[in-house]
Amino acid sequence: MCKRFLKELYRGFLVVSSGLYLVEIDRKDVVGFAVGTTQSEGFFGRLLRTRWPAFLGNIETEVENMTQQEFLQKLSEMLEVDSALTGAEALSDLKIWDSVSVISFMAFADEECGILIAPKDIGKCSTVNDLFALVCEKSGA
């Protein structure tokens, strides 16, 4: 996962008065956590408007050097699928593809490609190849 993206996302919940967080600790080890807000409507829009410089940081686009095969391999690892992805898979057919996967893909795009992708853009994708095309489009590759 992209530490910078997630760090800023979680920090966004902590610095607002409507933010909530819960940390599960077992024998001094953090074993889980959850974040949320009491004012969910428009929260992410406000977060991006107020903290966008922190999300962007010093982004360098790396997708220009990534082949489609490398993208598929890295995406397969991120999704922890049993067999290698070909690109033709429909996202709706992937049992692992859910809202958490969308957030994970956003972090993947940031970490591996140095780009920010909105959930609404991911929602327009129907296949794995569409995800690669989206990454290429957003990076200008």
Protein backbone atom coordinates (compact mmCIF):
# COMPACT_ATOMS: atom_id res chain seq x y z
CA MET A 1 0.00 0.00 0.00
CA CYS A 2 1.05 3.55 -0.52
CA LYS A 3 2.11 4.84 2.86
CA ARG A 4 2.00 8.51 1.85
CA PHE A 5 -1.55 8.34 0.50
CA LEU A 6 -2.91 6.35 3.43
CA LYS A 7 -1.06 8.49 5.97
CA GLU A 8 -2.67 11.64 4.59
CA LEU A 9 -6.08 9.98 4.29
CA TYR A 10 -6.08 8.84 7.91
CA ARG A 11 -4.62 12.13 9.09
CA GLY A 12 -7.57 13.83 7.37
CA PHE A 13 -9.94 12.03 9.73
CA LEU A 14 -7.87 12.93 12.77
CA VAL A 15 -7.52 16.66 12.18
CA VAL A 16 -11.22 17.51 11.77
CA SER A 17 -13.67 17.81 14.63
CA SER A 18 -16.10 15.41 12.90
CA GLY A 19 -13.44 12.69 12.59
CA LEU A 20 -13.72 9.41 14.47
CA TYR A 21 -11.20 6.66 14.95
CA LEU A 22 -10.99 3.34 16.73
CA VAL A 23 -7.79 1.41 17.38
CA GLU A 24 -7.73 -2.26 18.40
CA ILE A 25 -4.73 -3.19 20.53
CA ASP A 26 -3.73 -6.70 21.59
CA ARG A 27 -0.84 -7.02 24.02
CA LYS A 28 0.59 -3.63 23.03
CA ASP A 29 0.35 -4.43 19.31
CA VAL A 30 -2.00 -2.52 17.03
CA VAL A 31 -4.02 -5.23 15.31
CA GLY A 32 -6.63 -3.08 13.60
CA PHE A 33 -8.18 0.31 13.27
CA ALA A 34 -11.09 2.10 11.67
CA VAL A 35 -11.70 5.73 10.79
CA GLY A 36 -14.85 7.62 9.96
CA THR A 37 -16.69 10.88 10.31
CA THR A 38 -19.93 12.13 11.78
CA GLN A 39 -20.40 14.31 8.69
CA SER A 40 -19.88 11.92 5.80
CA GLU A 41 -21.67 13.94 3.12
CA GLY A 42 -18.99 15.84 1.22
CA PHE A 43 -16.23 14.78 3.61
CA PHE A 44 -13.83 13.50 0.94
CA GLY A 45 -14.40 16.53 -1.26
CA ARG A 46 -13.58 18.83 1.65
CA LEU A 47 -10.58 16.68 2.52
CA LEU A 48 -9.18 16.94 -1.00
CA ARG A 49 -9.84 20.68 -1.20
CA THR A 50 -8.13 21.42 2.11
CA ARG A 51 -5.31 18.87 2.03
CA TRP A 52 -4.57 18.35 -1.69
CA PRO A 53 -0.94 19.56 -1.42
CA ALA A 54 -0.27 16.87 1.19
CA PHE A 55 -1.80 14.21 -1.07
CA LEU A 56 0.19 15.32 -4.09
CA GLY A 57 3.56 15.71 -2.40
CA ASN A 58 6.40 15.33 -4.88
CA ILE A 59 4.81 13.10 -7.46
CA GLU A 60 6.90 11.63 -10.20
CA THR A 61 5.11 9.73 -12.93
CA GLU A 62 6.50 6.24 -13.29
CA VAL A 63 3.86 4.61 -15.50
CA GLU A 64 5.66 5.74 -18.65
CA ASN A 65 8.23 3.03 -17.97
CA MET A 66 5.68 0.38 -16.92
CA THR A 67 4.55 -2.11 -19.52
CA GLN A 68 1.04 -3.51 -19.50
CA GLN A 69 2.47 -6.87 -18.43
CA GLU A 70 4.22 -5.27 -15.44
CA PHE A 71 1.00 -3.46 -14.54
CA LEU A 72 -0.96 -6.74 -14.67
CA GLN A 73 1.64 -8.50 -12.53
CA LYS A 74 1.65 -5.75 -9.89
CA LEU A 75 -2.14 -5.54 -9.91
CA SER A 76 -2.35 -9.33 -9.50
CA GLU A 77 -0.09 -9.08 -6.45
CA MET A 78 -2.08 -6.18 -5.00
CA LEU A 79 -5.39 -8.01 -5.41
CA GLU A 80 -3.83 -11.30 -4.29
CA VAL A 81 -5.55 -13.25 -7.07
CA ASP A 82 -4.76 -16.93 -7.56
CA SER A 83 -3.84 -16.72 -11.25
CA ALA A 84 -2.16 -14.01 -13.29
CA LEU A 85 -4.44 -11.37 -14.75
CA THR A 86 -4.63 -11.10 -18.55
CA GLY A 87 -6.37 -7.74 -18.70
CA ALA A 88 -9.54 -9.05 -20.31
CA GLU A 89 -11.16 -9.89 -16.96
CA ALA A 90 -14.37 -8.05 -16.15
CA LEU A 91 -14.01 -6.34 -12.78
CA SER A 92 -17.48 -7.56 -11.84
CA ASP A 93 -16.25 -11.16 -12.31
CA LEU A 94 -13.36 -10.72 -9.88
CA LYS A 95 -14.59 -11.89 -6.47
CA ILE A 96 -11.99 -9.71 -4.77
CA TRP A 97 -13.11 -6.48 -6.53
CA ASP A 98 -15.06 -4.40 -3.99
CA SER A 99 -14.95 -0.96 -2.38
CA VAL A 100 -11.77 -1.85 -0.48
CA SER A 101 -10.17 -2.89 -3.77
CA VAL A 102 -11.06 0.50 -5.25
CA ILE A 103 -9.28 2.27 -2.38
CA SER A 104 -6.37 -0.15 -2.71
CA PHE A 105 -6.19 0.57 -6.44
CA MET A 106 -6.11 4.31 -5.72
CA ALA A 107 -3.16 3.73 -3.39
CA PHE A 108 -1.56 1.39 -5.96
CA ALA A 109 -1.84 4.08 -8.67
CA ASP A 110 -0.25 6.61 -6.33
CA GLU A 111 2.55 4.36 -5.15
CA GLU A 112 3.40 2.53 -8.37
CA CYS A 113 2.57 5.24 -10.92
CA GLY A 114 2.72 8.50 -9.01
CA ILE A 115 -0.81 9.55 -9.99
CA LEU A 116 -4.05 10.26 -8.17
CA ILE A 117 -7.22 8.62 -9.47
CA ALA A 118 -10.71 9.45 -8.26
CA PRO A 119 -13.12 6.65 -7.32
CA LYS A 120 -15.64 7.95 -9.89
CA ASP A 121 -13.08 7.37 -12.66
CA ILE A 122 -12.43 3.84 -11.44
CA GLY A 123 -16.19 3.26 -11.38
CA LYS A 124 -16.28 3.89 -15.13
CA CYS A 125 -13.91 0.96 -15.74
CA SER A 126 -15.41 -2.42 -16.55
CA THR A 127 -12.28 -4.50 -17.22
CA VAL A 128 -8.73 -4.77 -15.93
CA ASN A 129 -7.55 -3.36 -19.28
CA ASP A 130 -9.76 -0.32 -18.60
CA LEU A 131 -7.84 0.24 -15.36
CA PHE A 132 -4.54 0.19 -17.26
CA ALA A 133 -5.95 2.61 -19.84
CA LEU A 134 -7.11 4.90 -17.02
CA VAL A 135 -3.66 4.90 -15.43
CA CYS A 136 -2.09 5.68 -18.81
CA GLU A 137 -4.58 8.46 -19.46
CA LYS A 138 -4.07 10.08 -16.05
CA SER A 139 -0.31 9.91 -16.35
CA GLY A 140 -0.24 11.27 -19.88
CA ALA A 141 1.61 8.17 -21.10
